[in-house]
Every structure is written in structure tokens, then in C-alpha cells.
Amino acid sequence: MTFSSILTYQMLLESYLATRVIRPSTESSYRASIRKLENGLASYCADKWIKFDTDVNSLTQSQVAKWRSYELVNGLCANSWNTHVRHLKAIFNHAIDVGLLTMDRNPFYKMAITSPNKRKKTLSLHQVTQARLFLAGAQLDEEKGKEVGKLHPVWFWQTVFETFYYTGMRRNQLIHLKVGDVHLKNQLIKIRIEGSKTWREYEIPISNQLLPYLEQLLWRASLLSFKAEDQLFNVNRFSEHKNSRMSKVMTVDRVSNVFEYISKRIGIQVSPHRFRHTLGTDLMKEPERNLHLVKELLGHTNIKTTLEYVEPDLNSIKTLLDHRG
């Protein structure tokens, strides 16, 4: 029996990962795509009463196309499918290049589909104000000794909220910030490579509105003897309800959980990514002035990504139509 005849999808994945240096979250995404491939093909074959061939070399582009139709009919969105295809195409390209696979053509070649071009989800100033008022109310409750649950300490989550609003940084970037990354004197925040989606280290400014929140955060951190290399946004270290079950670091899941809680309480979907979209969209209302500035602020490597935040000015379009004669 040859090696190729016992080759599994999992083997392809492990070979690919062994040659790459990627973040744990990225590795998890690749593993999820391989699971989707294995489980999805098995489900498709079972549904069609077809024998599931576990031989990796037998997978064809035609089979992938049929599986794609099956997944889309059963609710998988275009963006999710394209993410899986991007990962699987890379894994199969690697396996073909190193000789693990004998096939001449990658079965995931040209298997991506056109994603719907939806408007980015943003927040109005009224919605942001509602969220701020909710947090301010929770702060008053906490000062009166009332239980605020996962919002404890409220001042911390107010700081997280305003940091996302005024910087547009991603969740992963926030949790990777160290004490020494925030420079109050120069009003700059250094975004670390570890938290950057594009593996770029760059700086973003601290606005005057955000400055007092970060001053308070660093002051409280100094009282707790934080070191320069300590995680700055770590709610567990600031909590007055410490216990042995608390993790030593704060994760993106904790951030998401709190924003989901706020969203449910005020009836408005509030999230770090919506703040990012809102900031980009607001600043790009004058793209001729702000294009390259916004590109740097949001950490984009491709200016096409920044241009996605440009929305048509309907009033200007109406004026043009009115003057057609």
C-alpha cells in the first residue's frame, strides 16, 4: 500500500501547518475548514446515497462544486464558503507542491463565489449615546452598591467602549495591548504585531476625548503594580470580586460576551467591529482628504479595503439629477 492511498485530510492539514508560523486563532480557522470538508462531504454523500471516498487524491473539482451547492442550499453563507475555500485551496496547493498529492489540479481552484456586496453595519450617534447612557446608569448603580454582573467594574468597560469608538481597533488588538504600548505624553498607542490581522506594527493617535479614560486606566494599573509588559486591558486584575477560577489574561471571548450583553439590554447591536465600520465610514465621507489617513488608522495593507468605507452621498446624487434639465 502506498503512502498516498492512506493519506487523510488531517495529514494534509498537519503538513501545511508544520511549514507555517500562524496565530492560534488562524490555526483554529484552518482546522475548522478541514472539519467542514470532511463532515460536509460525508453528509452530502449520505444525503445522496453515495459512497464517501476517503481517498484524498480522488477528490475532484466536480465533487467540490456539488458539495458547494449542497452547503449553500443548507444555509452556509457565501462569505463562510469563501473562507473555507481560501483555506482549503492553500492546504491543497501545499500538498501538491510537496508531492503529497498526485493530482495535477487543485480541486478548489475557482471554487469561490461572488459575495453579496452589503453595506457595512454602522452605528448612529443616537445609538452610541444610548449605549453610553446605559453604561453611565450601570456606573451609578455600582456606586450605590448594586450588582452589575458582568459589567463589573463598569469604569473598565466604559474605557473599553470608548477605546473601540475612538480608535476603531479590533478586539484582538485591544487584548494584546501592554501597559508600555500606551504613551500618554505623545498621545499614541502602539499596535502590536501579535494582535494585528495584517501582521503589521503601527501607531494610532489617542484623541483628546479618549485621553482621560486611558489616564484613569493606567493610573489604576499603577496602583495594582502592573509592569510595562503586562496585559493592560485585563478586567480580571481590576475586579474586586477576584477568585481562583479567574484566568490570568482577558480574551476576545470576554469582550464579545460583554458587548452581547450590552446589545441585549439596550436593543441595539453594539460591537467593536461596528465601531470600526462607523469610524471608517464617518472619516471617509471626505475620501479625497482622508483616504491615506484612514488606511493607516485602521491598519489596512490594501487601499481597496479602505475604499470599501466610501458610501455614496445621496444628496449630491440628487443635485446632479436635478441639474440634468
C-alpha atoms as a PDB file:
ATOM      1  CA  MET A   1       0.000   0.000   0.000  1.00  0.00           C
ATOM      2  CA  THR A   2       1.449   3.364  -0.989  1.00  0.00           C
ATOM      3  CA  PHE A   3       1.536   6.395   1.290  1.00  0.00           C
ATOM      4  CA  SER A   4      -0.901   8.317  -0.927  1.00  0.00           C
ATOM      5  CA  SER A   5      -3.525   5.585  -0.590  1.00  0.00           C
ATOM      6  CA  ILE A   6      -3.737   6.114   3.196  1.00  0.00           C
ATOM      7  CA  LEU A   7      -3.411   9.896   3.084  1.00  0.00           C
ATOM      8  CA  THR A   8      -6.098  11.727   5.061  1.00  0.00           C
ATOM      9  CA  TYR A   9      -7.332  15.294   5.035  1.00  0.00           C
ATOM     10  CA  GLN A  10      -5.956  15.674   8.551  1.00  0.00           C
ATOM     11  CA  MET A  11      -2.490  14.680   7.306  1.00  0.00           C
ATOM     12  CA  LEU A  12      -2.644  17.386   4.655  1.00  0.00           C
ATOM     13  CA  LEU A  13      -3.533  19.945   7.304  1.00  0.00           C
ATOM     14  CA  GLU A  14      -0.720  18.938   9.667  1.00  0.00           C
ATOM     15  CA  SER A  15       1.806  19.053   6.826  1.00  0.00           C
ATOM     16  CA  TYR A  16       0.627  22.537   5.880  1.00  0.00           C
ATOM     17  CA  LEU A  17       0.698  23.866   9.460  1.00  0.00           C
ATOM     18  CA  ALA A  18       4.182  22.455  10.032  1.00  0.00           C
ATOM     19  CA  THR A  19       5.556  24.824   7.388  1.00  0.00           C
ATOM     20  CA  ARG A  20       3.766  27.970   8.595  1.00  0.00           C
ATOM     21  CA  VAL A  21       4.058  30.396  11.504  1.00  0.00           C
ATOM     22  CA  ILE A  22       0.493  31.479  12.269  1.00  0.00           C
ATOM     23  CA  ARG A  23      -1.538  32.642  15.240  1.00  0.00           C
ATOM     24  CA  PRO A  24      -3.568  30.106  17.261  1.00  0.00           C
ATOM     25  CA  SER A  25      -6.823  31.706  16.078  1.00  0.00           C
ATOM     26  CA  THR A  26      -5.735  31.329  12.440  1.00  0.00           C
ATOM     27  CA  GLU A  27      -4.768  27.702  13.013  1.00  0.00           C
ATOM     28  CA  SER A  28      -8.205  27.078  14.532  1.00  0.00           C
ATOM     29  CA  SER A  29      -9.774  28.549  11.408  1.00  0.00           C
ATOM     30  CA  TYR A  30      -7.820  26.148   9.163  1.00  0.00           C
ATOM     31  CA  ARG A  31      -8.793  23.211  11.363  1.00  0.00           C
ATOM     32  CA  ALA A  32     -12.441  24.275  11.149  1.00  0.00           C
ATOM     33  CA  SER A  33     -12.208  24.279   7.343  1.00  0.00           C
ATOM     34  CA  ILE A  34     -10.785  20.758   7.250  1.00  0.00           C
ATOM     35  CA  ARG A  35     -13.560  19.573   9.586  1.00  0.00           C
ATOM     36  CA  LYS A  36     -16.108  21.276   7.347  1.00  0.00           C
ATOM     37  CA  LEU A  37     -14.647  19.466   4.341  1.00  0.00           C
ATOM     38  CA  GLU A  38     -14.683  16.035   5.983  1.00  0.00           C
ATOM     39  CA  ASN A  39     -18.071  16.366   7.661  1.00  0.00           C
ATOM     40  CA  GLY A  40     -19.638  18.224   4.746  1.00  0.00           C
ATOM     41  CA  LEU A  41     -18.577  15.667   2.151  1.00  0.00           C
ATOM     42  CA  ALA A  42     -19.745  12.824   4.383  1.00  0.00           C
ATOM     43  CA  SER A  43     -23.152  14.490   4.880  1.00  0.00           C
ATOM     44  CA  TYR A  44     -23.504  15.219   1.174  1.00  0.00           C
ATOM     45  CA  CYS A  45     -22.684  11.625   0.239  1.00  0.00           C
ATOM     46  CA  ALA A  46     -25.074  10.247   2.848  1.00  0.00           C
ATOM     47  CA  ASP A  47     -27.840  12.552   1.623  1.00  0.00           C
ATOM     48  CA  LYS A  48     -27.312  11.455  -1.995  1.00  0.00           C
ATOM     49  CA  TRP A  49     -26.776   7.794  -1.104  1.00  0.00           C
ATOM     50  CA  ILE A  50     -23.241   7.947  -2.494  1.00  0.00           C
ATOM     51  CA  LYS A  51     -20.286   6.106  -1.015  1.00  0.00           C
ATOM     52  CA  PHE A  52     -17.947   8.563   0.694  1.00  0.00           C
ATOM     53  CA  ASP A  53     -14.452   8.037  -0.744  1.00  0.00           C
ATOM     54  CA  THR A  54     -11.899   8.859   1.942  1.00  0.00           C
ATOM     55  CA  ASP A  55      -9.016   8.818  -0.556  1.00  0.00           C
ATOM     56  CA  VAL A  56      -7.839  12.424  -0.673  1.00  0.00           C
ATOM     57  CA  ASN A  57      -6.412  12.011  -4.184  1.00  0.00           C
ATOM     58  CA  SER A  58      -9.858  11.095  -5.504  1.00  0.00           C
ATOM     59  CA  LEU A  59     -11.402  14.489  -4.733  1.00  0.00           C
ATOM     60  CA  THR A  60     -12.310  16.321  -7.959  1.00  0.00           C
ATOM     61  CA  GLN A  61     -13.422  19.841  -8.780  1.00  0.00           C
ATOM     62  CA  SER A  62     -16.771  18.442  -9.883  1.00  0.00           C
ATOM     63  CA  GLN A  63     -17.316  16.883  -6.447  1.00  0.00           C
ATOM     64  CA  VAL A  64     -16.353  20.136  -4.745  1.00  0.00           C
ATOM     65  CA  ALA A  65     -18.860  22.013  -6.919  1.00  0.00           C
ATOM     66  CA  LYS A  66     -21.656  19.577  -5.957  1.00  0.00           C
ATOM     67  CA  TRP A  67     -20.711  19.834  -2.283  1.00  0.00           C
ATOM     68  CA  ARG A  68     -20.717  23.637  -2.607  1.00  0.00           C
ATOM     69  CA  SER A  69     -24.301  23.610  -3.919  1.00  0.00           C
ATOM     70  CA  TYR A  70     -25.308  21.284  -1.084  1.00  0.00           C
ATOM     71  CA  GLU A  71     -23.814  23.595   1.577  1.00  0.00           C
ATOM     72  CA  LEU A  72     -25.310  26.776   0.139  1.00  0.00           C
ATOM     73  CA  VAL A  73     -28.773  25.209  -0.114  1.00  0.00           C
ATOM     74  CA  ASN A  74     -28.453  24.159   3.522  1.00  0.00           C
ATOM     75  CA  GLY A  75     -27.717  27.655   4.777  1.00  0.00           C
ATOM     76  CA  LEU A  76     -23.983  28.257   4.512  1.00  0.00           C
ATOM     77  CA  CYS A  77     -23.427  31.904   3.545  1.00  0.00           C
ATOM     78  CA  ALA A  78     -21.197  32.988   0.674  1.00  0.00           C
ATOM     79  CA  ASN A  79     -18.598  34.619   2.914  1.00  0.00           C
ATOM     80  CA  SER A  80     -18.213  31.490   5.052  1.00  0.00           C
ATOM     81  CA  TRP A  81     -17.912  29.286   1.967  1.00  0.00           C
ATOM     82  CA  ASN A  82     -15.237  31.564   0.516  1.00  0.00           C
ATOM     83  CA  THR A  83     -13.278  31.497   3.775  1.00  0.00           C
ATOM     84  CA  HIS A  84     -13.265  27.691   3.744  1.00  0.00           C
ATOM     85  CA  VAL A  85     -12.275  27.629   0.063  1.00  0.00           C
ATOM     86  CA  ARG A  86      -9.402  30.040   0.695  1.00  0.00           C
ATOM     87  CA  HIS A  87      -8.046  27.819   3.476  1.00  0.00           C
ATOM     88  CA  LEU A  88      -8.585  24.528   1.659  1.00  0.00           C
ATOM     89  CA  LYS A  89      -7.073  25.836  -1.561  1.00  0.00           C
ATOM     90  CA  ALA A  90      -3.914  26.825   0.342  1.00  0.00           C
ATOM     91  CA  ILE A  91      -3.704  23.412   2.032  1.00  0.00           C
ATOM     92  CA  PHE A  92      -4.140  21.526  -1.250  1.00  0.00           C
ATOM     93  CA  ASN A  93      -1.655  23.788  -3.058  1.00  0.00           C
ATOM     94  CA  HIS A  94       0.914  22.968  -0.398  1.00  0.00           C
ATOM     95  CA  ALA A  95       0.203  19.214  -0.629  1.00  0.00           C
ATOM     96  CA  ILE A  96       0.583  19.288  -4.428  1.00  0.00           C
ATOM     97  CA  ASP A  97       3.792  21.338  -4.234  1.00  0.00           C
ATOM     98  CA  VAL A  98       5.491  18.965  -1.768  1.00  0.00           C
ATOM     99  CA  GLY A  99       4.294  15.840  -3.574  1.00  0.00           C
ATOM    100  CA  LEU A 100       1.804  14.565  -1.010  1.00  0.00           C
ATOM    101  CA  LEU A 101      -0.938  14.650  -3.653  1.00  0.00           C
ATOM    102  CA  THR A 102      -0.649  13.208  -7.146  1.00  0.00           C
ATOM    103  CA  MET A 103      -3.441  15.321  -8.676  1.00  0.00           C
ATOM    104  CA  ASP A 104      -2.433  17.891 -11.297  1.00  0.00           C
ATOM    105  CA  ARG A 105      -5.102  20.475 -10.484  1.00  0.00           C
ATOM    106  CA  ASN A 106      -6.257  21.850  -7.166  1.00  0.00           C
ATOM    107  CA  PRO A 107      -9.953  20.851  -6.775  1.00  0.00           C
ATOM    108  CA  PHE A 108     -10.643  24.178  -5.011  1.00  0.00           C
ATOM    109  CA  TYR A 109      -9.342  26.276  -7.903  1.00  0.00           C
ATOM    110  CA  LYS A 110     -12.000  28.845  -8.915  1.00  0.00           C
ATOM    111  CA  MET A 111     -14.470  27.431  -6.385  1.00  0.00           C
ATOM    112  CA  ALA A 112     -15.081  30.753  -4.602  1.00  0.00           C
ATOM    113  CA  ILE A 113     -18.344  32.534  -5.314  1.00  0.00           C
ATOM    114  CA  THR A 114     -19.344  36.193  -5.512  1.00  0.00           C
ATOM    115  CA  SER A 115     -20.325  37.500  -2.089  1.00  0.00           C
ATOM    116  CA  PRO A 116     -23.239  39.927  -1.722  1.00  0.00           C
ATOM    117  CA  ASN A 117     -21.887  43.482  -1.511  1.00  0.00           C
ATOM    118  CA  LYS A 118     -23.783  44.621   1.571  1.00  0.00           C
ATOM    119  CA  ARG A 119     -23.406  47.998   3.226  1.00  0.00           C
ATOM    120  CA  LYS A 120     -21.192  47.945   6.280  1.00  0.00           C
ATOM    121  CA  LYS A 121     -23.128  47.900   9.526  1.00  0.00           C
ATOM    122  CA  THR A 122     -22.571  51.119  11.425  1.00  0.00           C
ATOM    123  CA  LEU A 123     -23.946  52.910  14.472  1.00  0.00           C
ATOM    124  CA  SER A 124     -25.657  56.282  14.532  1.00  0.00           C
ATOM    125  CA  LEU A 125     -24.643  58.887  17.101  1.00  0.00           C
ATOM    126  CA  HIS A 126     -28.042  58.385  18.752  1.00  0.00           C
ATOM    127  CA  GLN A 127     -27.361  54.661  19.161  1.00  0.00           C
ATOM    128  CA  VAL A 128     -23.886  55.321  20.573  1.00  0.00           C
ATOM    129  CA  THR A 129     -25.426  57.807  23.017  1.00  0.00           C
ATOM    130  CA  GLN A 130     -27.966  55.211  24.153  1.00  0.00           C
ATOM    131  CA  ALA A 131     -25.186  52.749  24.888  1.00  0.00           C
ATOM    132  CA  ARG A 132     -23.216  55.392  26.778  1.00  0.00           C
ATOM    133  CA  LEU A 133     -26.261  56.300  28.860  1.00  0.00           C
ATOM    134  CA  PHE A 134     -26.805  52.636  29.693  1.00  0.00           C
ATOM    135  CA  LEU A 135     -23.202  52.293  30.895  1.00  0.00           C
ATOM    136  CA  ALA A 136     -23.474  55.559  32.856  1.00  0.00           C
ATOM    137  CA  GLY A 137     -26.581  54.186  34.577  1.00  0.00           C
ATOM    138  CA  ALA A 138     -24.737  50.964  35.403  1.00  0.00           C
ATOM    139  CA  GLN A 139     -21.892  53.055  36.843  1.00  0.00           C
ATOM    140  CA  LEU A 140     -24.321  54.860  39.159  1.00  0.00           C
ATOM    141  CA  ASP A 141     -25.828  51.551  40.230  1.00  0.00           C
ATOM    142  CA  GLU A 142     -22.402  50.159  41.044  1.00  0.00           C
ATOM    143  CA  GLU A 143     -21.501  53.245  43.061  1.00  0.00           C
ATOM    144  CA  LYS A 144     -24.673  52.667  45.090  1.00  0.00           C
ATOM    145  CA  GLY A 145     -23.598  49.105  45.811  1.00  0.00           C
ATOM    146  CA  LYS A 146     -25.958  47.438  43.373  1.00  0.00           C
ATOM    147  CA  GLU A 147     -24.925  44.288  41.492  1.00  0.00           C
ATOM    148  CA  VAL A 148     -24.000  44.933  37.847  1.00  0.00           C
ATOM    149  CA  GLY A 149     -22.925  41.383  36.940  1.00  0.00           C
ATOM    150  CA  LYS A 150     -20.563  41.030  34.001  1.00  0.00           C
ATOM    151  CA  LEU A 151     -20.276  44.829  33.697  1.00  0.00           C
ATOM    152  CA  HIS A 152     -18.124  44.972  36.847  1.00  0.00           C
ATOM    153  CA  PRO A 153     -16.165  47.146  37.096  1.00  0.00           C
ATOM    154  CA  VAL A 154     -18.217  49.486  34.942  1.00  0.00           C
ATOM    155  CA  TRP A 155     -15.466  52.112  34.605  1.00  0.00           C
ATOM    156  CA  PHE A 156     -13.311  49.460  32.905  1.00  0.00           C
ATOM    157  CA  TRP A 157     -15.943  48.584  30.301  1.00  0.00           C
ATOM    158  CA  GLN A 158     -16.623  52.272  29.702  1.00  0.00           C
ATOM    159  CA  THR A 159     -12.923  52.604  28.865  1.00  0.00           C
ATOM    160  CA  VAL A 160     -13.086  49.590  26.538  1.00  0.00           C
ATOM    161  CA  PHE A 161     -16.174  51.069  24.872  1.00  0.00           C
ATOM    162  CA  GLU A 162     -14.552  54.461  24.270  1.00  0.00           C
ATOM    163  CA  THR A 163     -11.283  52.909  23.095  1.00  0.00           C
ATOM    164  CA  PHE A 164     -13.101  50.980  20.382  1.00  0.00           C
ATOM    165  CA  TYR A 165     -15.181  54.037  19.473  1.00  0.00           C
ATOM    166  CA  TYR A 166     -12.275  56.464  19.119  1.00  0.00           C
ATOM    167  CA  THR A 167      -9.632  54.138  17.643  1.00  0.00           C
ATOM    168  CA  GLY A 168     -11.511  51.563  15.546  1.00  0.00           C
ATOM    169  CA  MET A 169      -9.089  48.881  16.686  1.00  0.00           C
ATOM    170  CA  ARG A 170     -10.036  45.205  16.570  1.00  0.00           C
ATOM    171  CA  ARG A 171     -10.798  43.054  19.628  1.00  0.00           C
ATOM    172  CA  ASN A 172      -7.599  41.072  19.165  1.00  0.00           C
ATOM    173  CA  GLN A 173      -5.561  44.263  19.021  1.00  0.00           C
ATOM    174  CA  LEU A 174      -7.096  45.530  22.259  1.00  0.00           C
ATOM    175  CA  ILE A 175      -6.384  42.404  24.285  1.00  0.00           C
ATOM    176  CA  HIS A 176      -2.781  42.312  23.053  1.00  0.00           C
ATOM    177  CA  LEU A 177      -2.033  45.834  24.274  1.00  0.00           C
ATOM    178  CA  LYS A 178       0.600  46.004  27.004  1.00  0.00           C
ATOM    179  CA  VAL A 179       0.931  48.769  29.579  1.00  0.00           C
ATOM    180  CA  GLY A 180       4.030  50.045  27.783  1.00  0.00           C
ATOM    181  CA  ASP A 181       2.174  50.333  24.457  1.00  0.00           C
ATOM    182  CA  VAL A 182       0.137  53.347  25.586  1.00  0.00           C
ATOM    183  CA  HIS A 183       2.103  56.601  25.566  1.00  0.00           C
ATOM    184  CA  LEU A 184       0.045  59.326  27.202  1.00  0.00           C
ATOM    185  CA  LYS A 185       2.647  62.073  26.760  1.00  0.00           C
ATOM    186  CA  ASN A 186       2.771  61.631  22.987  1.00  0.00           C
ATOM    187  CA  GLN A 187      -0.867  60.501  22.849  1.00  0.00           C
ATOM    188  CA  LEU A 188      -0.022  57.378  20.871  1.00  0.00           C
ATOM    189  CA  ILE A 189      -0.919  53.680  21.067  1.00  0.00           C
ATOM    190  CA  LYS A 190       1.415  51.086  19.564  1.00  0.00           C
ATOM    191  CA  ILE A 191      -0.487  48.245  17.894  1.00  0.00           C
ATOM    192  CA  ARG A 192       1.440  45.028  18.308  1.00  0.00           C
ATOM    193  CA  ILE A 193       2.207  42.541  15.553  1.00  0.00           C
ATOM    194  CA  GLU A 194       0.695  39.747  17.667  1.00  0.00           C
ATOM    195  CA  GLY A 195      -2.740  41.357  17.636  1.00  0.00           C
ATOM    196  CA  SER A 196      -2.670  42.719  14.114  1.00  0.00           C
ATOM    197  CA  LYS A 197      -4.629  40.863  11.437  1.00  0.00           C
ATOM    198  CA  THR A 198      -2.115  42.028   8.828  1.00  0.00           C
ATOM    199  CA  TRP A 199       0.970  41.273  10.970  1.00  0.00           C
ATOM    200  CA  ARG A 200       1.887  44.962  10.992  1.00  0.00           C
ATOM    201  CA  GLU A 201       3.183  47.027  13.878  1.00  0.00           C
ATOM    202  CA  TYR A 202       1.948  50.617  13.697  1.00  0.00           C
ATOM    203  CA  GLU A 203       0.805  53.518  15.858  1.00  0.00           C
ATOM    204  CA  ILE A 204      -2.557  55.221  16.217  1.00  0.00           C
ATOM    205  CA  PRO A 205      -3.267  58.542  17.957  1.00  0.00           C
ATOM    206  CA  ILE A 206      -5.120  58.990  21.231  1.00  0.00           C
ATOM    207  CA  SER A 207      -7.810  61.612  20.765  1.00  0.00           C
ATOM    208  CA  ASN A 208      -8.429  64.228  23.450  1.00  0.00           C
ATOM    209  CA  GLN A 209     -11.820  62.613  24.154  1.00  0.00           C
ATOM    210  CA  LEU A 210     -10.246  59.205  24.814  1.00  0.00           C
ATOM    211  CA  LEU A 211      -7.270  60.522  26.807  1.00  0.00           C
ATOM    212  CA  PRO A 212      -8.970  60.800  30.257  1.00  0.00           C
ATOM    213  CA  TYR A 213     -10.257  57.221  30.035  1.00  0.00           C
ATOM    214  CA  LEU A 214      -6.780  55.855  29.325  1.00  0.00           C
ATOM    215  CA  GLU A 215      -5.255  58.091  32.013  1.00  0.00           C
ATOM    216  CA  GLN A 216      -7.598  56.551  34.563  1.00  0.00           C
ATOM    217  CA  LEU A 217      -6.871  53.031  33.297  1.00  0.00           C
ATOM    218  CA  LEU A 218      -3.104  53.488  33.582  1.00  0.00           C
ATOM    219  CA  TRP A 219      -3.439  55.155  36.979  1.00  0.00           C
ATOM    220  CA  ARG A 220      -5.433  52.228  38.323  1.00  0.00           C
ATOM    221  CA  ALA A 221      -2.945  49.819  36.736  1.00  0.00           C
ATOM    222  CA  SER A 222      -0.076  51.564  38.527  1.00  0.00           C
ATOM    223  CA  LEU A 223      -1.886  51.204  41.863  1.00  0.00           C
ATOM    224  CA  LEU A 224      -2.004  47.449  41.210  1.00  0.00           C
ATOM    225  CA  SER A 225       1.714  47.346  40.315  1.00  0.00           C
ATOM    226  CA  PHE A 226       1.221  46.495  36.635  1.00  0.00           C
ATOM    227  CA  LYS A 227       4.505  46.110  34.755  1.00  0.00           C
ATOM    228  CA  ALA A 228       5.217  47.509  31.277  1.00  0.00           C
ATOM    229  CA  GLU A 229       4.815  44.049  29.686  1.00  0.00           C
ATOM    230  CA  ASP A 230       1.554  43.223  31.482  1.00  0.00           C
ATOM    231  CA  GLN A 231      -1.713  42.985  29.541  1.00  0.00           C
ATOM    232  CA  LEU A 232      -3.341  46.395  30.000  1.00  0.00           C
ATOM    233  CA  PHE A 233      -6.971  45.541  29.248  1.00  0.00           C
ATOM    234  CA  ASN A 234      -7.335  42.723  31.772  1.00  0.00           C
ATOM    235  CA  VAL A 235     -10.627  43.047  33.619  1.00  0.00           C
ATOM    236  CA  ASN A 236      -9.788  40.196  35.979  1.00  0.00           C
ATOM    237  CA  ARG A 237      -6.952  42.152  37.599  1.00  0.00           C
ATOM    238  CA  PHE A 238      -9.166  45.200  38.126  1.00  0.00           C
ATOM    239  CA  SER A 239     -12.113  43.249  39.522  1.00  0.00           C
ATOM    240  CA  GLU A 240     -12.953  43.493  43.208  1.00  0.00           C
ATOM    241  CA  HIS A 241     -14.558  40.035  43.010  1.00  0.00           C
ATOM    242  CA  LYS A 242     -11.361  38.064  42.438  1.00  0.00           C
ATOM    243  CA  ASN A 243     -11.400  34.275  42.774  1.00  0.00           C
ATOM    244  CA  SER A 244      -9.147  31.356  41.861  1.00  0.00           C
ATOM    245  CA  ARG A 245     -11.223  30.469  38.782  1.00  0.00           C
ATOM    246  CA  MET A 246     -10.389  33.723  37.016  1.00  0.00           C
ATOM    247  CA  SER A 247      -7.970  33.411  34.111  1.00  0.00           C
ATOM    248  CA  LYS A 248      -4.708  35.344  34.181  1.00  0.00           C
ATOM    249  CA  VAL A 249      -5.464  37.120  30.905  1.00  0.00           C
ATOM    250  CA  MET A 250      -8.560  38.571  29.267  1.00  0.00           C
ATOM    251  CA  THR A 251      -9.660  37.000  25.991  1.00  0.00           C
ATOM    252  CA  VAL A 252     -11.619  38.213  22.959  1.00  0.00           C
ATOM    253  CA  ASP A 253     -14.485  35.985  24.105  1.00  0.00           C
ATOM    254  CA  ARG A 254     -14.835  38.025  27.288  1.00  0.00           C
ATOM    255  CA  VAL A 255     -15.031  41.226  25.233  1.00  0.00           C
ATOM    256  CA  SER A 256     -17.625  39.741  22.880  1.00  0.00           C
ATOM    257  CA  ASN A 257     -19.675  38.435  25.788  1.00  0.00           C
ATOM    258  CA  VAL A 258     -19.926  41.858  27.430  1.00  0.00           C
ATOM    259  CA  PHE A 259     -20.863  43.626  24.193  1.00  0.00           C
ATOM    260  CA  GLU A 260     -23.528  40.997  23.504  1.00  0.00           C
ATOM    261  CA  TYR A 261     -24.917  41.681  26.987  1.00  0.00           C
ATOM    262  CA  ILE A 262     -24.986  45.450  26.359  1.00  0.00           C
ATOM    263  CA  SER A 263     -26.662  44.876  22.978  1.00  0.00           C
ATOM    264  CA  LYS A 264     -29.436  42.780  24.526  1.00  0.00           C
ATOM    265  CA  ARG A 265     -30.065  45.274  27.312  1.00  0.00           C
ATOM    266  CA  ILE A 266     -30.432  48.310  25.020  1.00  0.00           C
ATOM    267  CA  GLY A 267     -31.921  46.530  21.996  1.00  0.00           C
ATOM    268  CA  ILE A 268     -29.180  47.750  19.656  1.00  0.00           C
ATOM    269  CA  GLN A 269     -26.435  45.609  18.153  1.00  0.00           C
ATOM    270  CA  VAL A 270     -23.227  47.140  19.512  1.00  0.00           C
ATOM    271  CA  SER A 271     -19.861  45.548  18.763  1.00  0.00           C
ATOM    272  CA  PRO A 272     -16.199  46.513  18.339  1.00  0.00           C
ATOM    273  CA  HIS A 273     -16.439  45.792  14.614  1.00  0.00           C
ATOM    274  CA  ARG A 274     -19.419  48.126  14.233  1.00  0.00           C
ATOM    275  CA  PHE A 275     -17.386  50.853  15.909  1.00  0.00           C
ATOM    276  CA  ARG A 276     -14.616  50.161  13.383  1.00  0.00           C
ATOM    277  CA  HIS A 277     -17.049  50.359  10.479  1.00  0.00           C
ATOM    278  CA  THR A 278     -18.628  53.517  11.897  1.00  0.00           C
ATOM    279  CA  LEU A 279     -15.268  55.251  12.294  1.00  0.00           C
ATOM    280  CA  GLY A 280     -14.122  54.291   8.803  1.00  0.00           C
ATOM    281  CA  THR A 281     -17.409  55.323   7.200  1.00  0.00           C
ATOM    282  CA  ASP A 282     -17.530  58.672   9.033  1.00  0.00           C
ATOM    283  CA  LEU A 283     -13.961  59.587   8.137  1.00  0.00           C
ATOM    284  CA  MET A 284     -14.350  58.501   4.522  1.00  0.00           C
ATOM    285  CA  LYS A 285     -17.142  60.989   3.881  1.00  0.00           C
ATOM    286  CA  GLU A 286     -14.285  63.109   2.555  1.00  0.00           C
ATOM    287  CA  PRO A 287     -12.167  60.417   0.877  1.00  0.00           C
ATOM    288  CA  GLU A 288     -10.024  62.875  -1.090  1.00  0.00           C
ATOM    289  CA  ARG A 289      -8.759  64.258   2.237  1.00  0.00           C
ATOM    290  CA  ASN A 290      -8.806  61.194   4.469  1.00  0.00           C
ATOM    291  CA  LEU A 291      -8.100  58.137   2.297  1.00  0.00           C
ATOM    292  CA  HIS A 292      -4.480  57.535   3.292  1.00  0.00           C
ATOM    293  CA  LEU A 293      -5.060  58.681   6.875  1.00  0.00           C
ATOM    294  CA  VAL A 294      -7.890  56.190   7.360  1.00  0.00           C
ATOM    295  CA  LYS A 295      -5.799  53.458   5.740  1.00  0.00           C
ATOM    296  CA  GLU A 296      -3.121  53.988   8.393  1.00  0.00           C
ATOM    297  CA  LEU A 297      -5.580  54.370  11.272  1.00  0.00           C
ATOM    298  CA  LEU A 298      -7.377  51.108  10.505  1.00  0.00           C
ATOM    299  CA  GLY A 299      -4.146  49.278   9.661  1.00  0.00           C
ATOM    300  CA  HIS A 300      -5.133  48.281   6.129  1.00  0.00           C
ATOM    301  CA  THR A 301      -2.400  46.970   3.824  1.00  0.00           C
ATOM    302  CA  ASN A 302      -4.540  47.375   0.700  1.00  0.00           C
ATOM    303  CA  ILE A 303      -6.130  50.726  -0.100  1.00  0.00           C
ATOM    304  CA  LYS A 304      -9.022  48.883  -1.793  1.00  0.00           C
ATOM    305  CA  THR A 305     -10.123  47.760   1.671  1.00  0.00           C
ATOM    306  CA  THR A 306     -10.232  51.379   2.839  1.00  0.00           C
ATOM    307  CA  LEU A 307     -12.230  52.416  -0.228  1.00  0.00           C
ATOM    308  CA  GLU A 308     -14.979  49.993   0.816  1.00  0.00           C
ATOM    309  CA  TYR A 309     -15.895  52.534   3.504  1.00  0.00           C
ATOM    310  CA  VAL A 310     -16.832  55.154   0.905  1.00  0.00           C
ATOM    311  CA  GLU A 311     -20.612  55.476   0.709  1.00  0.00           C
ATOM    312  CA  PRO A 312     -22.450  57.490  -1.955  1.00  0.00           C
ATOM    313  CA  ASP A 313     -23.668  60.925  -0.934  1.00  0.00           C
ATOM    314  CA  LEU A 314     -27.339  60.725  -1.895  1.00  0.00           C
ATOM    315  CA  ASN A 315     -27.809  64.495  -1.613  1.00  0.00           C
ATOM    316  CA  SER A 316     -25.019  65.072  -4.134  1.00  0.00           C
ATOM    317  CA  ILE A 317     -26.526  62.459  -6.452  1.00  0.00           C
ATOM    318  CA  LYS A 318     -29.925  64.155  -6.191  1.00  0.00           C
ATOM    319  CA  THR A 319     -28.344  67.546  -7.017  1.00  0.00           C
ATOM    320  CA  LEU A 320     -26.729  66.041 -10.117  1.00  0.00           C
ATOM    321  CA  LEU A 321     -30.071  64.595 -11.205  1.00  0.00           C
ATOM    322  CA  ASP A 322     -31.861  67.888 -10.571  1.00  0.00           C
ATOM    323  CA  HIS A 323     -29.444  69.683 -12.916  1.00  0.00           C
ATOM    324  CA  ARG A 324     -29.852  67.316 -15.823  1.00  0.00           C
ATOM    325  CA  GLY A 325     -32.529  69.607 -17.341  1.00  0.00           C
END
